[in-house]
């Protein structure tokens, strides 16, 4: 692995908290993700199933975790099944994790080869009354044509053991994962620190005429150099009017003199993510109008982030943020008080220039699991990302930080990331003079 070893206590404690919420005399079976094919014999980069990683720390494909906390034999209360290397796999793919290495990472002593899974479950299923299975319920995109390893495990279990009671592992992990342990917070901080290096490298490279993807390359270089797994998501490097498309990420335009660039990116480190957005002038100097818009968004970030604290409901926070943005849009002469007074409550005037939510859970997923119907809690990490998008002026501005919720408020984990106008201009222009 590229990153430093994670304390095994993280995964041991996660399993204790998970099994404490399981029904009496029940099994939990969690599987790894598939290695996804590309074209011909090529494959995409592997990303582990995050629930499996949360409970074991294992990143290897063809892995199954079985938890049976009420098993009569103590060694059967947690078992990891992993693939076994052979002469052919050693030649083509290199070595896989040994049983000893799996134990060292996960803290699970009972490690078996994956071809022992079916006969082991046959013994457990006779004794267990219920089976918890994992499924990617959190996904927001349509996946009806996909058949994942989790789907196949669900199909296999229900065909093999149709009379058992089945439960959703996601009901437990969506409750546990939003509140982060100290170890998890440290990993998110590391992801943020690499992001800071990436953004400063980008500031050092920006100039009129550069391609957006050249700036993206600066971000990629820093995450690779500093031990990150991958980009947290495909980065957005959007110059000019491109920044008004919320999910623009082709990153193939030329950055022109006088334009502003929106950079929304994150680093995945040890499977934990950062998610940060900054804006900067291509030529090193914000225009008067760009500065106006930027200062409005920065004001909303500073004031809006104060609402991120334990006990607050997401809908109440988002309403406060919408009110802040609305006030700024009036100051910028983009909407009027008369338009606000006459607006359709279901389609308020501000939505022409601000049309997205501004806080989401952050952790193993960039949009991490958790229920937005419940109040925020101490230990959660959330983003704050207000924005204003003026397509007719070719200006899109969004600013985003990651915040750790504390007992009385929050801590900005992105404090080291340049954000003030004077600081960004100085960093760009110092480079240009050197």
Protein backbone atom coordinates (compact mmCIF):
# COMPACT_ATOMS: atom_id res chain seq x y z
CA UNK A 1 0.00 0.00 0.00
CA UNK A 2 1.13 3.57 -0.66
CA UNK A 3 -0.04 5.05 2.63
CA UNK A 4 1.24 4.57 6.16
CA UNK A 5 -0.14 1.65 8.16
CA UNK A 6 -3.45 2.34 9.88
CA UNK A 7 -3.74 1.34 13.56
CA UNK A 8 -5.46 -2.05 13.70
CA UNK A 9 -7.53 -0.76 16.60
CA UNK A 10 -9.59 1.30 14.12
CA UNK A 11 -10.96 -1.82 12.44
CA UNK A 12 -11.29 -3.78 15.67
CA UNK A 13 -13.37 -1.00 17.23
CA UNK A 14 -15.47 -0.64 14.09
CA UNK A 15 -16.33 -4.34 14.20
CA UNK A 16 -17.26 -4.12 17.88
CA UNK A 17 -19.61 -1.23 17.20
CA UNK A 18 -21.11 -2.98 14.18
CA UNK A 19 -21.72 -6.35 15.85
CA UNK A 20 -23.21 -4.64 18.91
CA UNK A 21 -26.08 -3.50 16.65
CA UNK A 22 -26.70 -6.89 15.03
CA UNK A 23 -29.67 -9.03 16.02
CA UNK A 24 -29.04 -11.97 18.33
CA UNK A 25 -27.72 -15.08 16.58
CA UNK A 26 -27.16 -13.41 13.21
CA UNK A 27 -24.45 -13.45 10.55
CA UNK A 28 -23.07 -10.55 8.53
CA UNK A 29 -21.50 -11.19 5.12
CA UNK A 30 -19.72 -8.33 3.36
CA UNK A 31 -17.94 -8.67 0.03
CA UNK A 32 -15.31 -6.70 -1.83
CA UNK A 33 -15.97 -4.78 -5.01
CA UNK A 34 -15.26 -6.24 -8.42
CA UNK A 35 -12.28 -5.40 -10.55
CA UNK A 36 -14.02 -3.60 -13.40
CA UNK A 37 -12.97 -4.30 -17.00
CA UNK A 38 -12.00 -1.58 -19.42
CA UNK A 39 -11.38 -2.81 -22.99
CA UNK A 40 -9.74 -6.01 -24.21
CA UNK A 41 -7.79 -7.39 -21.23
CA UNK A 42 -7.36 -4.03 -19.48
CA UNK A 43 -9.01 -3.16 -16.15
CA UNK A 44 -9.87 0.02 -14.30
CA UNK A 45 -8.22 0.94 -11.01
CA UNK A 46 -9.63 -1.09 -8.11
CA UNK A 47 -11.56 0.68 -5.35
CA UNK A 48 -12.62 -1.35 -2.33
CA UNK A 49 -16.14 -1.63 -1.00
CA UNK A 50 -16.08 0.96 1.77
CA UNK A 51 -18.15 -0.99 4.30
CA UNK A 52 -15.76 -3.92 3.95
CA UNK A 53 -12.77 -1.61 4.32
CA UNK A 54 -14.37 0.12 7.35
CA UNK A 55 -14.65 -3.23 9.13
CA UNK A 56 -11.41 -4.90 8.03
CA UNK A 57 -8.90 -2.52 6.41
CA UNK A 58 -8.41 -4.95 3.51
CA UNK A 59 -8.17 -3.40 0.03
CA UNK A 60 -7.76 -6.57 -2.01
CA UNK A 61 -10.46 -7.82 -4.39
CA UNK A 62 -12.07 -11.27 -3.97
CA UNK A 63 -12.35 -10.74 -0.22
CA UNK A 64 -15.28 -11.69 2.03
CA UNK A 65 -15.76 -10.73 5.67
CA UNK A 66 -18.04 -12.88 7.85
CA UNK A 67 -19.06 -11.71 11.31
CA UNK A 68 -20.92 -14.09 13.64
CA UNK A 69 -20.67 -12.57 17.13
CA UNK A 70 -22.75 -15.34 18.76
CA UNK A 71 -20.72 -18.20 17.28
CA UNK A 72 -19.99 -20.92 19.84
CA UNK A 73 -16.30 -21.00 18.94
CA UNK A 74 -14.57 -17.67 19.47
CA UNK A 75 -12.40 -18.05 16.36
CA UNK A 76 -15.55 -18.15 14.21
CA UNK A 77 -16.85 -14.77 15.37
CA UNK A 78 -14.87 -12.96 12.67
CA UNK A 79 -13.41 -14.59 9.57
CA UNK A 80 -11.78 -13.10 6.47
CA UNK A 81 -11.72 -15.05 3.22
CA UNK A 82 -9.06 -13.96 0.72
CA UNK A 83 -7.69 -15.23 -2.58
CA UNK A 84 -4.64 -17.48 -2.62
CA UNK A 85 -1.64 -16.84 -4.84
CA UNK A 86 -0.41 -19.58 -7.17
CA UNK A 87 2.34 -19.94 -9.73
CA UNK A 88 0.31 -18.28 -12.49
CA UNK A 89 -0.91 -15.33 -10.41
CA UNK A 90 2.62 -14.74 -9.13
CA UNK A 91 3.87 -14.53 -12.71
CA UNK A 92 1.14 -12.26 -14.02
CA UNK A 93 -0.14 -10.25 -11.03
CA UNK A 94 2.48 -10.55 -8.31
CA UNK A 95 1.77 -11.71 -4.79
CA UNK A 96 -1.49 -11.35 -2.89
CA UNK A 97 -1.87 -10.67 0.81
CA UNK A 98 -0.66 -13.53 2.97
CA UNK A 99 -2.84 -14.77 5.83
CA UNK A 100 -0.35 -13.26 8.26
CA UNK A 101 -0.52 -9.86 6.53
CA UNK A 102 -4.33 -9.96 6.52
CA UNK A 103 -4.29 -10.55 10.27
CA UNK A 104 -1.75 -7.76 10.83
CA UNK A 105 -3.92 -5.26 8.92
CA UNK A 106 -7.35 -6.29 10.21
CA UNK A 107 -6.74 -7.82 13.64
CA UNK A 108 -8.75 -10.89 12.53
CA UNK A 109 -6.91 -14.08 13.41
CA UNK A 110 -9.09 -16.51 11.47
CA UNK A 111 -8.16 -16.06 7.81
CA UNK A 112 -9.16 -18.62 5.19
CA UNK A 113 -8.77 -18.94 1.43
CA UNK A 114 -11.86 -17.88 -0.45
CA UNK A 115 -12.57 -21.36 -1.81
CA UNK A 116 -13.42 -22.36 1.79
CA UNK A 117 -16.25 -19.83 2.01
CA UNK A 118 -19.22 -21.97 0.95
CA UNK A 119 -18.55 -24.92 3.23
CA UNK A 120 -17.92 -22.55 6.16
CA UNK A 121 -21.17 -20.66 5.63
CA UNK A 122 -23.05 -23.94 5.32
CA UNK A 123 -22.13 -24.71 8.94
CA UNK A 124 -22.95 -21.21 10.19
CA UNK A 125 -26.24 -20.87 8.29
CA UNK A 126 -27.70 -23.91 10.06
CA UNK A 127 -27.17 -22.21 13.43
CA UNK A 128 -27.85 -18.55 12.55
CA UNK A 129 -31.36 -17.11 12.32
CA UNK A 130 -30.68 -13.96 10.31
CA UNK A 131 -28.14 -12.81 7.73
CA UNK A 132 -26.97 -9.22 7.20
CA UNK A 133 -25.92 -8.48 3.64
CA UNK A 134 -24.28 -5.43 2.14
CA UNK A 135 -25.56 -3.50 -0.85
CA UNK A 136 -24.67 -0.13 -2.35
CA UNK A 137 -27.95 1.56 -1.39
CA UNK A 138 -26.25 4.95 -1.11
CA UNK A 139 -25.49 5.29 -4.82
CA UNK A 140 -27.26 8.19 -6.52
CA UNK A 141 -26.81 7.07 -10.13
CA UNK A 142 -28.93 4.53 -12.00
CA UNK A 143 -27.24 1.11 -11.91
CA UNK A 144 -30.05 -1.21 -13.04
CA UNK A 145 -27.84 -2.91 -15.66
CA UNK A 146 -24.97 -3.58 -13.27
CA UNK A 147 -24.52 -6.88 -11.45
CA UNK A 148 -21.98 -6.45 -8.68
CA UNK A 149 -20.29 -8.92 -6.37
CA UNK A 150 -22.73 -7.73 -3.68
CA UNK A 151 -25.68 -8.45 -6.00
CA UNK A 152 -24.35 -11.93 -6.68
CA UNK A 153 -23.83 -12.61 -2.98
CA UNK A 154 -27.43 -11.59 -2.23
CA UNK A 155 -28.71 -13.84 -5.03
CA UNK A 156 -26.56 -16.77 -3.89
CA UNK A 157 -27.59 -16.51 -0.23
CA UNK A 158 -31.29 -16.24 -0.97
CA UNK A 159 -31.15 -19.16 -3.36
CA UNK A 160 -29.11 -21.27 -0.95
CA UNK A 161 -30.90 -20.23 2.26
CA UNK A 162 -34.37 -18.96 1.26
CA UNK A 163 -35.96 -19.41 4.70
CA UNK A 164 -33.54 -17.22 6.64
CA UNK A 165 -34.40 -13.70 7.75
CA UNK A 166 -32.38 -11.10 5.82
CA UNK A 167 -31.26 -7.73 7.13
CA UNK A 168 -29.46 -4.73 5.59
CA UNK A 169 -25.90 -4.06 6.72
CA UNK A 170 -26.38 -0.49 5.45
CA UNK A 171 -28.84 0.22 8.29
CA UNK A 172 -25.91 -0.18 10.67
CA UNK A 173 -23.11 1.42 8.69
CA UNK A 174 -25.17 4.51 7.80
CA UNK A 175 -25.45 5.10 11.55
CA UNK A 176 -21.83 4.36 12.44
CA UNK A 177 -19.77 5.79 9.61
CA UNK A 178 -20.79 9.50 9.79
CA UNK A 179 -19.24 9.92 13.28
CA UNK A 180 -15.49 9.71 12.82
CA UNK A 181 -12.90 8.28 15.22
CA UNK A 182 -9.60 10.06 15.91
CA UNK A 183 -7.84 7.69 13.50
CA UNK A 184 -10.29 8.53 10.73
CA UNK A 185 -9.98 12.26 11.36
CA UNK A 186 -6.20 11.97 11.07
CA UNK A 187 -6.56 10.23 7.70
CA UNK A 188 -8.90 12.95 6.40
CA UNK A 189 -6.43 15.58 7.62
CA UNK A 190 -3.68 13.83 5.66
CA UNK A 191 -5.86 13.88 2.53
CA UNK A 192 -6.42 17.61 3.08
CA UNK A 193 -2.70 18.28 3.57
CA UNK A 194 -1.91 16.63 0.23
CA UNK A 195 -4.68 18.71 -1.36
CA UNK A 196 -3.00 21.88 -0.06
CA UNK A 197 0.22 20.89 -1.79
CA UNK A 198 -1.68 20.21 -5.01
CA UNK A 199 -3.43 23.58 -4.98
CA UNK A 200 -0.21 25.49 -4.29
CA UNK A 201 1.45 23.66 -7.17
CA UNK A 202 -1.48 24.62 -9.39
CA UNK A 203 -1.12 28.28 -8.35
CA UNK A 204 2.53 28.06 -9.29
CA UNK A 205 1.63 26.79 -12.77
CA UNK A 206 -1.37 28.91 -13.75
CA UNK A 207 -0.94 31.46 -16.56
CA UNK A 208 -2.88 32.65 -19.59
CA UNK A 209 -2.84 30.07 -22.39
CA UNK A 210 -2.41 27.01 -20.18
CA UNK A 211 -4.85 24.09 -20.69
CA UNK A 212 -7.16 23.09 -17.86
CA UNK A 213 -5.80 19.54 -17.99
CA UNK A 214 -2.26 20.85 -17.45
CA UNK A 215 -3.44 22.27 -14.14
CA UNK A 216 -5.19 18.98 -13.37
CA UNK A 217 -1.81 17.29 -13.87
CA UNK A 218 -0.35 19.37 -11.03
CA UNK A 219 -3.01 17.98 -8.69
CA UNK A 220 -2.36 14.41 -9.85
CA UNK A 221 1.41 14.74 -9.43
CA UNK A 222 1.05 15.82 -5.81
CA UNK A 223 -1.37 13.08 -4.75
CA UNK A 224 0.81 10.40 -6.33
CA UNK A 225 4.03 11.84 -4.92
CA UNK A 226 2.56 12.02 -1.42
CA UNK A 227 1.03 8.54 -1.20
CA UNK A 228 -2.59 9.16 -2.10
CA UNK A 229 -4.69 6.32 -3.50
CA UNK A 230 -6.22 8.40 -6.28
CA UNK A 231 -8.23 11.54 -6.95
CA UNK A 232 -11.20 11.53 -4.57
CA UNK A 233 -13.30 12.16 -7.70
CA UNK A 234 -12.57 13.36 -11.23
CA UNK A 235 -11.34 16.89 -10.56
CA UNK A 236 -13.12 19.93 -11.94
CA UNK A 237 -10.78 22.52 -13.45
CA UNK A 238 -13.24 24.91 -15.04
CA UNK A 239 -12.19 28.21 -16.57
CA UNK A 240 -14.56 31.01 -17.56
CA UNK A 241 -18.11 29.93 -18.37
CA UNK A 242 -17.19 26.27 -17.84
CA UNK A 243 -17.41 26.98 -14.10
CA UNK A 244 -21.16 27.55 -14.48
CA UNK A 245 -21.65 23.82 -15.24
CA UNK A 246 -21.64 22.18 -11.83
CA UNK A 247 -20.17 18.83 -12.89
CA UNK A 248 -17.95 20.01 -15.76
CA UNK A 249 -14.79 17.88 -15.76
CA UNK A 250 -13.60 17.45 -19.34
CA UNK A 251 -10.88 19.97 -18.42
CA UNK A 252 -9.82 20.54 -22.02
CA UNK A 253 -10.29 24.29 -22.52
CA UNK A 254 -7.61 26.94 -22.73
CA UNK A 255 -7.48 29.25 -19.68
CA UNK A 256 -7.76 32.76 -21.10
CA UNK A 257 -6.41 36.05 -19.78
CA UNK A 258 -9.10 37.76 -17.69
CA UNK A 259 -10.97 34.56 -16.82
CA UNK A 260 -11.41 32.99 -13.42
CA UNK A 261 -10.87 29.27 -12.80
CA UNK A 262 -12.95 27.11 -10.45
CA UNK A 263 -11.01 24.10 -9.08
CA UNK A 264 -13.07 21.47 -7.23
CA UNK A 265 -10.94 18.50 -6.26
CA UNK A 266 -10.00 16.09 -3.51
CA UNK A 267 -7.44 13.47 -2.54
CA UNK A 268 -8.23 9.91 -1.49
CA UNK A 269 -5.67 8.88 1.13
CA UNK A 270 -5.98 5.45 2.78
CA UNK A 271 -9.52 5.45 1.32
CA UNK A 272 -10.49 8.63 3.22
CA UNK A 273 -11.23 11.75 1.20
CA UNK A 274 -10.90 15.50 1.10
CA UNK A 275 -13.24 17.68 -0.97
CA UNK A 276 -12.18 21.30 -1.49
CA UNK A 277 -13.05 24.07 -3.97
CA UNK A 278 -11.11 27.23 -4.74
CA UNK A 279 -11.26 29.93 -7.43
CA UNK A 280 -8.37 31.92 -8.89
CA UNK A 281 -7.67 34.45 -11.65
CA UNK A 282 -5.83 33.13 -14.69
CA UNK A 283 -3.64 36.26 -14.93
CA UNK A 284 -3.04 36.60 -11.19
CA UNK A 285 -5.43 39.51 -10.62
CA UNK A 286 -9.16 39.28 -9.96
CA UNK A 287 -11.20 41.79 -11.97
CA UNK A 288 -13.44 44.16 -10.02
CA UNK A 289 -16.52 42.06 -10.80
CA UNK A 290 -14.79 38.74 -10.08
CA UNK A 291 -13.67 40.17 -6.76
CA UNK A 292 -17.23 41.25 -5.91
CA UNK A 293 -18.62 37.80 -6.60
CA UNK A 294 -15.73 36.04 -4.83
CA UNK A 295 -16.12 38.17 -1.71
CA UNK A 296 -19.86 37.42 -1.61
CA UNK A 297 -19.25 33.67 -1.80
CA UNK A 298 -16.44 33.85 0.77
CA UNK A 299 -18.75 35.76 3.12
CA UNK A 300 -21.37 33.01 2.74
CA UNK A 301 -18.74 30.34 3.44
CA UNK A 302 -17.48 32.05 6.59
CA UNK A 303 -20.94 32.83 7.95
CA UNK A 304 -22.69 29.70 6.71
CA UNK A 305 -20.11 27.33 8.15
CA UNK A 306 -20.98 28.66 11.61
CA UNK A 307 -24.32 26.85 11.32
CA UNK A 308 -22.50 23.49 11.05
CA UNK A 309 -22.70 22.24 14.62
CA UNK A 310 -24.21 19.39 16.62
CA UNK A 311 -27.97 19.39 16.95
CA UNK A 312 -28.64 21.23 13.67
CA UNK A 313 -30.78 19.59 10.99
CA UNK A 314 -29.50 19.64 7.41
CA UNK A 315 -32.68 21.31 6.11
CA UNK A 316 -32.36 24.15 8.63
CA UNK A 317 -28.69 24.65 7.78
CA UNK A 318 -29.46 24.74 4.04
CA UNK A 319 -32.22 27.32 4.62
CA UNK A 320 -29.77 29.57 6.49
CA UNK A 321 -27.27 29.23 3.66
CA UNK A 322 -29.92 30.02 1.04
CA UNK A 323 -30.82 33.19 2.95
CA UNK A 324 -27.16 34.26 2.96
CA UNK A 325 -26.81 33.68 -0.78
CA UNK A 326 -30.07 35.48 -1.50
CA UNK A 327 -28.85 38.58 0.36
CA UNK A 328 -25.57 38.57 -1.59
CA UNK A 329 -27.37 38.17 -4.92
CA UNK A 330 -29.34 41.34 -4.16
CA UNK A 331 -26.09 43.18 -3.35
CA UNK A 332 -24.63 41.98 -6.64
CA UNK A 333 -27.73 43.30 -8.45
CA UNK A 334 -28.52 39.86 -9.85
CA UNK A 335 -31.99 39.67 -8.27
CA UNK A 336 -34.21 42.33 -6.75
CA UNK A 337 -36.33 42.54 -3.61
CA UNK A 338 -39.41 42.82 -5.85
CA UNK A 339 -38.51 39.54 -7.55
CA UNK A 340 -38.11 37.90 -4.17
CA UNK A 341 -41.49 39.23 -2.99
CA UNK A 342 -43.20 37.88 -6.12
CA UNK A 343 -41.32 34.57 -6.35
CA UNK A 344 -42.83 31.09 -6.45
CA UNK A 345 -41.86 29.54 -3.07
CA UNK A 346 -41.19 26.27 -4.89
CA UNK A 347 -38.81 28.01 -7.29
CA UNK A 348 -37.22 30.94 -5.44
CA UNK A 349 -35.46 33.69 -7.38
CA UNK A 350 -32.02 32.84 -6.01
CA UNK A 351 -32.05 29.44 -7.73
CA UNK A 352 -31.18 31.08 -11.05
CA UNK A 353 -27.68 31.73 -9.67
CA UNK A 354 -27.41 29.16 -6.85
CA UNK A 355 -28.96 25.75 -7.38
CA UNK A 356 -27.28 23.12 -5.21
CA UNK A 357 -26.94 21.97 -1.61
CA UNK A 358 -23.91 23.07 0.36
CA UNK A 359 -23.17 20.44 3.02
CA UNK A 360 -22.60 16.70 2.73
CA UNK A 361 -20.99 14.06 4.89
CA UNK A 362 -17.35 13.33 4.07
CA UNK A 363 -15.28 10.24 4.81
CA UNK A 364 -14.74 6.94 3.02
CA UNK A 365 -17.11 8.24 0.36
CA UNK A 366 -16.81 11.83 -0.84
CA UNK A 367 -20.57 12.01 -0.36
CA UNK A 368 -20.41 9.75 2.66
CA UNK A 369 -23.25 7.64 4.03
CA UNK A 370 -25.55 9.10 6.66
CA UNK A 371 -29.13 10.21 7.21
CA UNK A 372 -29.85 13.88 6.55
CA UNK A 373 -33.12 13.51 8.46
CA UNK A 374 -31.16 13.30 11.72
CA UNK A 375 -29.37 16.18 13.49
CA UNK A 376 -25.64 16.65 12.98
CA UNK A 377 -23.44 15.15 15.70
CA UNK A 378 -20.06 15.78 17.26
CA UNK A 379 -17.37 13.93 15.32
CA UNK A 380 -19.00 14.24 11.92
CA UNK A 381 -17.05 15.77 9.03
CA UNK A 382 -19.08 17.86 6.59
CA UNK A 383 -18.34 20.14 3.69
CA UNK A 384 -19.57 23.71 3.30
CA UNK A 385 -19.68 24.88 -0.33
CA UNK A 386 -21.72 27.94 -1.29
CA UNK A 387 -21.54 29.22 -4.85
CA UNK A 388 -22.80 31.84 -7.28
CA UNK A 389 -22.97 31.09 -11.02
CA UNK A 390 -23.54 33.92 -13.52
CA UNK A 391 -23.60 32.29 -16.94
CA UNK A 392 -24.26 35.55 -18.79
CA UNK A 393 -21.04 36.99 -17.34
CA UNK A 394 -18.95 33.83 -17.67
CA UNK A 395 -18.34 33.75 -13.90
CA UNK A 396 -18.81 30.68 -11.74
CA UNK A 397 -17.56 30.85 -8.16
CA UNK A 398 -17.74 28.16 -5.49
CA UNK A 399 -15.66 27.91 -2.32
CA UNK A 400 -15.56 24.77 -0.19
CA UNK A 401 -13.92 23.64 3.04
CA UNK A 402 -14.17 20.48 5.15
CA UNK A 403 -15.29 20.89 8.76
CA UNK A 404 -15.02 18.63 11.80
CA UNK A 405 -17.96 19.12 14.14
CA UNK A 406 -17.00 19.64 17.77
CA UNK A 407 -19.08 19.91 20.93
CA UNK A 408 -19.79 23.62 20.45
CA UNK A 409 -19.11 24.29 16.79
CA UNK A 410 -16.58 23.10 14.22
CA UNK A 411 -12.95 23.11 13.14
CA UNK A 412 -11.97 24.06 9.59
CA UNK A 413 -9.71 21.22 8.41
CA UNK A 414 -8.70 23.31 5.36
CA UNK A 415 -7.21 26.22 7.28
CA UNK A 416 -3.87 25.85 5.44
CA UNK A 417 -5.47 26.06 1.99
CA UNK A 418 -5.14 29.62 0.59
CA UNK A 419 -8.54 31.28 0.24
CA UNK A 420 -8.25 35.05 0.81
CA UNK A 421 -8.02 37.12 -2.37
CA UNK A 422 -4.79 38.85 -1.41
CA UNK A 423 -3.10 35.55 -0.55
CA UNK A 424 -4.07 33.88 -3.82
CA UNK A 425 -2.97 36.88 -5.89
CA UNK A 426 0.34 37.10 -4.04
CA UNK A 427 1.11 33.41 -4.52
CA UNK A 428 0.43 33.59 -8.26
CA UNK A 429 2.31 36.86 -8.81
CA UNK A 430 5.30 35.86 -6.64
CA UNK A 431 5.71 32.89 -8.95
CA UNK A 432 5.45 35.07 -12.06
CA UNK A 433 8.24 37.33 -10.81
CA UNK A 434 10.64 34.54 -9.87
